[in-house]
Amino acid sequence: MRVVPGAVLGWDMGAAMALARALGIDTLIAAELLPEIEAVMVRKLNEQMEGRRDG
Protein backbone atom coordinates (compact mmCIF):
# COMPACT_ATOMS: atom_id res chain seq x y z
CA MET A 1 0.00 0.00 0.00
CA ARG A 2 1.34 3.43 -0.91
CA VAL A 3 0.69 5.98 1.81
CA VAL A 4 1.62 9.63 2.01
CA PRO A 5 1.07 11.71 5.13
CA GLY A 6 -2.69 11.76 5.57
CA ALA A 7 -3.71 9.70 2.52
CA VAL A 8 -3.57 6.27 0.90
CA LEU A 9 -2.57 6.43 -2.78
CA GLY A 10 -2.94 2.81 -3.82
CA TRP A 11 -1.94 -0.80 -3.43
CA ASP A 12 1.27 -2.52 -4.41
CA MET A 13 -0.22 -4.41 -7.35
CA GLY A 14 2.83 -6.65 -7.71
CA ALA A 15 2.30 -7.85 -4.15
CA ALA A 16 -1.45 -8.19 -4.73
CA MET A 17 -0.85 -10.32 -7.81
CA ALA A 18 1.70 -12.45 -5.96
CA LEU A 19 -0.85 -13.01 -3.19
CA ALA A 20 -3.52 -13.96 -5.76
CA ARG A 21 -1.09 -16.41 -7.38
CA ALA A 22 -0.19 -17.90 -3.96
CA LEU A 23 -3.88 -18.34 -3.17
CA GLY A 24 -4.46 -20.11 -6.47
CA ILE A 25 -6.58 -17.31 -7.95
CA ASP A 26 -6.40 -16.99 -11.72
CA THR A 27 -4.09 -14.02 -12.32
CA LEU A 28 -6.06 -12.85 -15.37
CA ILE A 29 -9.18 -12.58 -13.23
CA ALA A 30 -7.22 -10.86 -10.47
CA ALA A 31 -5.77 -8.38 -12.96
CA GLU A 32 -9.31 -7.52 -14.11
CA LEU A 33 -10.84 -7.21 -10.64
CA LEU A 34 -8.09 -5.75 -8.45
CA PRO A 35 -8.06 -2.21 -9.92
CA GLU A 36 -11.79 -1.81 -9.21
CA ILE A 37 -11.43 -3.22 -5.71
CA GLU A 38 -8.39 -1.02 -5.08
CA ALA A 39 -10.27 2.14 -6.09
CA VAL A 40 -13.09 1.44 -3.62
CA MET A 41 -10.74 0.48 -0.79
CA VAL A 42 -8.49 3.51 -1.27
CA ARG A 43 -11.51 5.82 -1.28
CA LYS A 44 -12.96 4.22 1.87
CA LEU A 45 -9.64 4.21 3.73
CA ASN A 46 -9.12 7.89 2.94
CA GLU A 47 -12.68 8.68 4.10
CA GLN A 48 -11.98 6.88 7.39
CA MET A 49 -8.69 8.69 7.85
CA GLU A 50 -10.38 12.03 7.15
CA GLY A 51 -13.11 11.22 9.68
CA ARG A 52 -10.53 10.49 12.37
CA ARG A 53 -8.80 13.80 11.68
CA ASP A 54 -12.05 15.76 11.87
CA GLY A 55 -13.59 13.79 14.74
PDB file of N, CA and C in Angstrom:
ATOM      1  N   MET A   1       0.841  -1.164   0.000  1.00  0.00           N
ATOM      2  CA  MET A   1       0.000   0.000   0.000  1.00  0.00           C
ATOM      3  C   MET A   1       0.891   1.233   0.000  1.00  0.00           C
ATOM      4  N   ARG A   2       0.593   2.171  -0.876  1.00  0.00           N
ATOM      5  CA  ARG A   2       1.345   3.426  -0.912  1.00  0.00           C
ATOM      6  C   ARG A   2       0.603   4.458  -0.081  1.00  0.00           C
ATOM      7  N   VAL A   3       1.299   5.012   0.909  1.00  0.00           N
ATOM      8  CA  VAL A   3       0.693   5.984   1.807  1.00  0.00           C
ATOM      9  C   VAL A   3       1.577   7.215   1.852  1.00  0.00           C
ATOM     10  N   VAL A   4       0.941   8.366   1.777  1.00  0.00           N
ATOM     11  CA  VAL A   4       1.620   9.635   2.006  1.00  0.00           C
ATOM     12  C   VAL A   4       1.018  10.206   3.281  1.00  0.00           C
ATOM     13  N   PRO A   5       1.643  11.169   3.899  1.00  0.00           N
ATOM     14  CA  PRO A   5       1.068  11.714   5.132  1.00  0.00           C
ATOM     15  C   PRO A   5      -0.397  12.130   4.928  1.00  0.00           C
ATOM     16  N   GLY A   6      -1.281  11.420   5.599  1.00  0.00           N
ATOM     17  CA  GLY A   6      -2.687  11.764   5.566  1.00  0.00           C
ATOM     18  C   GLY A   6      -3.509  11.134   4.469  1.00  0.00           C
ATOM     19  N   ALA A   7      -2.924  10.283   3.606  1.00  0.00           N
ATOM     20  CA  ALA A   7      -3.714   9.701   2.521  1.00  0.00           C
ATOM     21  C   ALA A   7      -3.106   8.389   2.029  1.00  0.00           C
ATOM     22  N   VAL A   8      -3.975   7.508   1.566  1.00  0.00           N
ATOM     23  CA  VAL A   8      -3.566   6.271   0.905  1.00  0.00           C
ATOM     24  C   VAL A   8      -3.645   6.526  -0.594  1.00  0.00           C
ATOM     25  N   LEU A   9      -2.586   6.208  -1.331  1.00  0.00           N
ATOM     26  CA  LEU A   9      -2.572   6.426  -2.776  1.00  0.00           C
ATOM     27  C   LEU A   9      -2.963   5.191  -3.566  1.00  0.00           C
ATOM     28  N   GLY A  10      -2.611   4.025  -3.074  1.00  0.00           N
ATOM     29  CA  GLY A  10      -2.937   2.811  -3.816  1.00  0.00           C
ATOM     30  C   GLY A  10      -2.242   1.604  -3.234  1.00  0.00           C
ATOM     31  N   TRP A  11      -2.533   0.471  -3.849  1.00  0.00           N
ATOM     32  CA  TRP A  11      -1.944  -0.796  -3.430  1.00  0.00           C
ATOM     33  C   TRP A  11      -0.691  -1.093  -4.229  1.00  0.00           C
ATOM     34  N   ASP A  12       0.143  -1.958  -3.685  1.00  0.00           N
ATOM     35  CA  ASP A  12       1.271  -2.524  -4.409  1.00  0.00           C
ATOM     36  C   ASP A  12       0.704  -3.672  -5.235  1.00  0.00           C
ATOM     37  N   MET A  13       0.440  -3.414  -6.515  1.00  0.00           N
ATOM     38  CA  MET A  13      -0.223  -4.409  -7.352  1.00  0.00           C
ATOM     39  C   MET A  13       0.647  -5.639  -7.593  1.00  0.00           C
ATOM     40  N   GLY A  14       1.960  -5.481  -7.582  1.00  0.00           N
ATOM     41  CA  GLY A  14       2.833  -6.651  -7.706  1.00  0.00           C
ATOM     42  C   GLY A  14       2.633  -7.601  -6.537  1.00  0.00           C
ATOM     43  N   ALA A  15       2.543  -7.039  -5.339  1.00  0.00           N
ATOM     44  CA  ALA A  15       2.301  -7.853  -4.154  1.00  0.00           C
ATOM     45  C   ALA A  15       0.901  -8.452  -4.188  1.00  0.00           C
ATOM     46  N   ALA A  16      -0.080  -7.681  -4.639  1.00  0.00           N
ATOM     47  CA  ALA A  16      -1.448  -8.187  -4.726  1.00  0.00           C
ATOM     48  C   ALA A  16      -1.536  -9.353  -5.710  1.00  0.00           C
ATOM     49  N   MET A  17      -0.846  -9.235  -6.829  1.00  0.00           N
ATOM     50  CA  MET A  17      -0.851 -10.323  -7.810  1.00  0.00           C
ATOM     51  C   MET A  17      -0.115 -11.544  -7.272  1.00  0.00           C
ATOM     52  N   ALA A  18       0.979 -11.331  -6.563  1.00  0.00           N
ATOM     53  CA  ALA A  18       1.704 -12.451  -5.963  1.00  0.00           C
ATOM     54  C   ALA A  18       0.819 -13.166  -4.941  1.00  0.00           C
ATOM     55  N   LEU A  19       0.060 -12.412  -4.158  1.00  0.00           N
ATOM     56  CA  LEU A  19      -0.853 -13.008  -3.191  1.00  0.00           C
ATOM     57  C   LEU A  19      -1.944 -13.804  -3.912  1.00  0.00           C
ATOM     58  N   ALA A  20      -2.500 -13.244  -4.977  1.00  0.00           N
ATOM     59  CA  ALA A  20      -3.516 -13.958  -5.756  1.00  0.00           C
ATOM     60  C   ALA A  20      -2.950 -15.276  -6.279  1.00  0.00           C
ATOM     61  N   ARG A  21      -1.746 -15.210  -6.832  1.00  0.00           N
ATOM     62  CA  ARG A  21      -1.093 -16.411  -7.376  1.00  0.00           C
ATOM     63  C   ARG A  21      -0.888 -17.443  -6.256  1.00  0.00           C
ATOM     64  N   ALA A  22      -0.433 -16.988  -5.083  1.00  0.00           N
ATOM     65  CA  ALA A  22      -0.190 -17.902  -3.964  1.00  0.00           C
ATOM     66  C   ALA A  22      -1.489 -18.537  -3.465  1.00  0.00           C
ATOM     67  N   LEU A  23      -2.590 -17.812  -3.603  1.00  0.00           N
ATOM     68  CA  LEU A  23      -3.881 -18.337  -3.168  1.00  0.00           C
ATOM     69  C   LEU A  23      -4.555 -19.190  -4.241  1.00  0.00           C
ATOM     70  N   GLY A  24      -3.912 -19.300  -5.394  1.00  0.00           N
ATOM     71  CA  GLY A  24      -4.463 -20.110  -6.471  1.00  0.00           C
ATOM     72  C   GLY A  24      -5.540 -19.415  -7.280  1.00  0.00           C
ATOM     73  N   ILE A  25      -5.593 -18.088  -7.187  1.00  0.00           N
ATOM     74  CA  ILE A  25      -6.579 -17.312  -7.949  1.00  0.00           C
ATOM     75  C   ILE A  25      -6.009 -17.045  -9.332  1.00  0.00           C
ATOM     76  N   ASP A  26      -6.813 -17.235 -10.337  1.00  0.00           N
ATOM     77  CA  ASP A  26      -6.396 -16.991 -11.724  1.00  0.00           C
ATOM     78  C   ASP A  26      -5.912 -15.548 -11.838  1.00  0.00           C
ATOM     79  N   THR A  27      -4.677 -15.361 -12.279  1.00  0.00           N
ATOM     80  CA  THR A  27      -4.093 -14.021 -12.319  1.00  0.00           C
ATOM     81  C   THR A  27      -4.761 -13.113 -13.349  1.00  0.00           C
ATOM     82  N   LEU A  28      -5.329 -13.681 -14.405  1.00  0.00           N
ATOM     83  CA  LEU A  28      -6.061 -12.848 -15.367  1.00  0.00           C
ATOM     84  C   LEU A  28      -7.315 -12.272 -14.735  1.00  0.00           C
ATOM     85  N   ILE A  29      -7.992 -13.072 -13.942  1.00  0.00           N
ATOM     86  CA  ILE A  29      -9.179 -12.583 -13.233  1.00  0.00           C
ATOM     87  C   ILE A  29      -8.768 -11.539 -12.207  1.00  0.00           C
ATOM     88  N   ALA A  30      -7.704 -11.821 -11.463  1.00  0.00           N
ATOM     89  CA  ALA A  30      -7.224 -10.865 -10.465  1.00  0.00           C
ATOM     90  C   ALA A  30      -6.842  -9.542 -11.121  1.00  0.00           C
ATOM     91  N   ALA A  31      -6.184  -9.596 -12.262  1.00  0.00           N
ATOM     92  CA  ALA A  31      -5.774  -8.379 -12.965  1.00  0.00           C
ATOM     93  C   ALA A  31      -6.982  -7.561 -13.409  1.00  0.00           C
ATOM     94  N   GLU A  32      -8.081  -8.221 -13.719  1.00  0.00           N
ATOM     95  CA  GLU A  32      -9.312  -7.524 -14.110  1.00  0.00           C
ATOM     96  C   GLU A  32     -10.017  -6.908 -12.903  1.00  0.00           C
ATOM     97  N   LEU A  33     -10.051  -7.629 -11.790  1.00  0.00           N
ATOM     98  CA  LEU A  33     -10.844  -7.206 -10.639  1.00  0.00           C
ATOM     99  C   LEU A  33     -10.112  -6.292  -9.660  1.00  0.00           C
ATOM    100  N   LEU A  34      -8.820  -6.499  -9.475  1.00  0.00           N
ATOM    101  CA  LEU A  34      -8.094  -5.745  -8.446  1.00  0.00           C
ATOM    102  C   LEU A  34      -8.130  -4.225  -8.618  1.00  0.00           C
ATOM    103  N   PRO A  35      -8.003  -3.673  -9.812  1.00  0.00           N
ATOM    104  CA  PRO A  35      -8.058  -2.208  -9.915  1.00  0.00           C
ATOM    105  C   PRO A  35      -9.387  -1.612  -9.423  1.00  0.00           C
ATOM    106  N   GLU A  36     -10.490  -2.300  -9.689  1.00  0.00           N
ATOM    107  CA  GLU A  36     -11.791  -1.813  -9.213  1.00  0.00           C
ATOM    108  C   GLU A  36     -11.879  -1.915  -7.694  1.00  0.00           C
ATOM    109  N   ILE A  37     -11.423  -3.028  -7.158  1.00  0.00           N
ATOM    110  CA  ILE A  37     -11.435  -3.222  -5.706  1.00  0.00           C
ATOM    111  C   ILE A  37     -10.517  -2.200  -5.044  1.00  0.00           C
ATOM    112  N   GLU A  38      -9.350  -1.988  -5.629  1.00  0.00           N
ATOM    113  CA  GLU A  38      -8.394  -1.023  -5.081  1.00  0.00           C
ATOM    114  C   GLU A  38      -9.010   0.369  -5.010  1.00  0.00           C
ATOM    115  N   ALA A  39      -9.692   0.793  -6.066  1.00  0.00           N
ATOM    116  CA  ALA A  39     -10.271   2.137  -6.094  1.00  0.00           C
ATOM    117  C   ALA A  39     -11.262   2.337  -4.953  1.00  0.00           C
ATOM    118  N   VAL A  40     -12.104   1.341  -4.704  1.00  0.00           N
ATOM    119  CA  VAL A  40     -13.090   1.445  -3.624  1.00  0.00           C
ATOM    120  C   VAL A  40     -12.389   1.459  -2.272  1.00  0.00           C
ATOM    121  N   MET A  41     -11.434   0.562  -2.082  1.00  0.00           N
ATOM    122  CA  MET A  41     -10.745   0.479  -0.790  1.00  0.00           C
ATOM    123  C   MET A  41      -9.942   1.739  -0.490  1.00  0.00           C
ATOM    124  N   VAL A  42      -9.262   2.284  -1.478  1.00  0.00           N
ATOM    125  CA  VAL A  42      -8.488   3.509  -1.265  1.00  0.00           C
ATOM    126  C   VAL A  42      -9.429   4.650  -0.881  1.00  0.00           C
ATOM    127  N   ARG A  43     -10.549   4.768  -1.591  1.00  0.00           N
ATOM    128  CA  ARG A  43     -11.513   5.824  -1.282  1.00  0.00           C
ATOM    129  C   ARG A  43     -12.040   5.670   0.149  1.00  0.00           C
ATOM    130  N   LYS A  44     -12.418   4.452   0.536  1.00  0.00           N
ATOM    131  CA  LYS A  44     -12.963   4.216   1.872  1.00  0.00           C
ATOM    132  C   LYS A  44     -11.916   4.438   2.966  1.00  0.00           C
ATOM    133  N   LEU A  45     -10.694   3.987   2.737  1.00  0.00           N
ATOM    134  CA  LEU A  45      -9.636   4.212   3.730  1.00  0.00           C
ATOM    135  C   LEU A  45      -9.379   5.697   3.920  1.00  0.00           C
ATOM    136  N   ASN A  46      -9.350   6.445   2.836  1.00  0.00           N
ATOM    137  CA  ASN A  46      -9.122   7.888   2.943  1.00  0.00           C
ATOM    138  C   ASN A  46     -10.292   8.581   3.641  1.00  0.00           C
ATOM    139  N   GLU A  47     -11.520   8.124   3.395  1.00  0.00           N
ATOM    140  CA  GLU A  47     -12.679   8.678   4.102  1.00  0.00           C
ATOM    141  C   GLU A  47     -12.563   8.414   5.603  1.00  0.00           C
ATOM    142  N   GLN A  48     -12.148   7.204   5.973  1.00  0.00           N
ATOM    143  CA  GLN A  48     -11.984   6.879   7.390  1.00  0.00           C
ATOM    144  C   GLN A  48     -10.897   7.729   8.024  1.00  0.00           C
ATOM    145  N   MET A  49      -9.782   7.885   7.323  1.00  0.00           N
ATOM    146  CA  MET A  49      -8.687   8.690   7.852  1.00  0.00           C
ATOM    147  C   MET A  49      -9.121  10.144   8.011  1.00  0.00           C
ATOM    148  N   GLU A  50      -9.880  10.662   7.078  1.00  0.00           N
ATOM    149  CA  GLU A  50     -10.376  12.030   7.147  1.00  0.00           C
ATOM    150  C   GLU A  50     -11.333  12.184   8.325  1.00  0.00           C
ATOM    151  N   GLY A  51     -12.178  11.187   8.557  1.00  0.00           N
ATOM    152  CA  GLY A  51     -13.106  11.221   9.679  1.00  0.00           C
ATOM    153  C   GLY A  51     -12.395  11.228  11.020  1.00  0.00           C
ATOM    154  N   ARG A  52     -11.300  10.505  11.119  1.00  0.00           N
ATOM    155  CA  ARG A  52     -10.530  10.491  12.372  1.00  0.00           C
ATOM    156  C   ARG A  52      -9.856  11.834  12.616  1.00  0.00           C
ATOM    157  N   ARG A  53      -9.430  12.491  11.545  1.00  0.00           N
ATOM    158  CA  ARG A  53      -8.800  13.805  11.683  1.00  0.00           C
ATOM    159  C   ARG A  53      -9.814  14.849  12.133  1.00  0.00           C
ATOM    160  N   ASP A  54     -11.017  14.763  11.570  1.00  0.00           N
ATOM    161  CA  ASP A  54     -12.055  15.755  11.871  1.00  0.00           C
ATOM    162  C   ASP A  54     -12.768  15.463  13.194  1.00  0.00           C
ATOM    163  N   GLY A  55     -12.792  14.199  13.570  1.00  0.00           N
ATOM    164  CA  GLY A  55     -13.587  13.785  14.740  1.00  0.00           C
ATOM    165  C   GLY A  55     -12.852  13.889  15.994  1.00  0.00           C
TER     166      GLY A  55
END
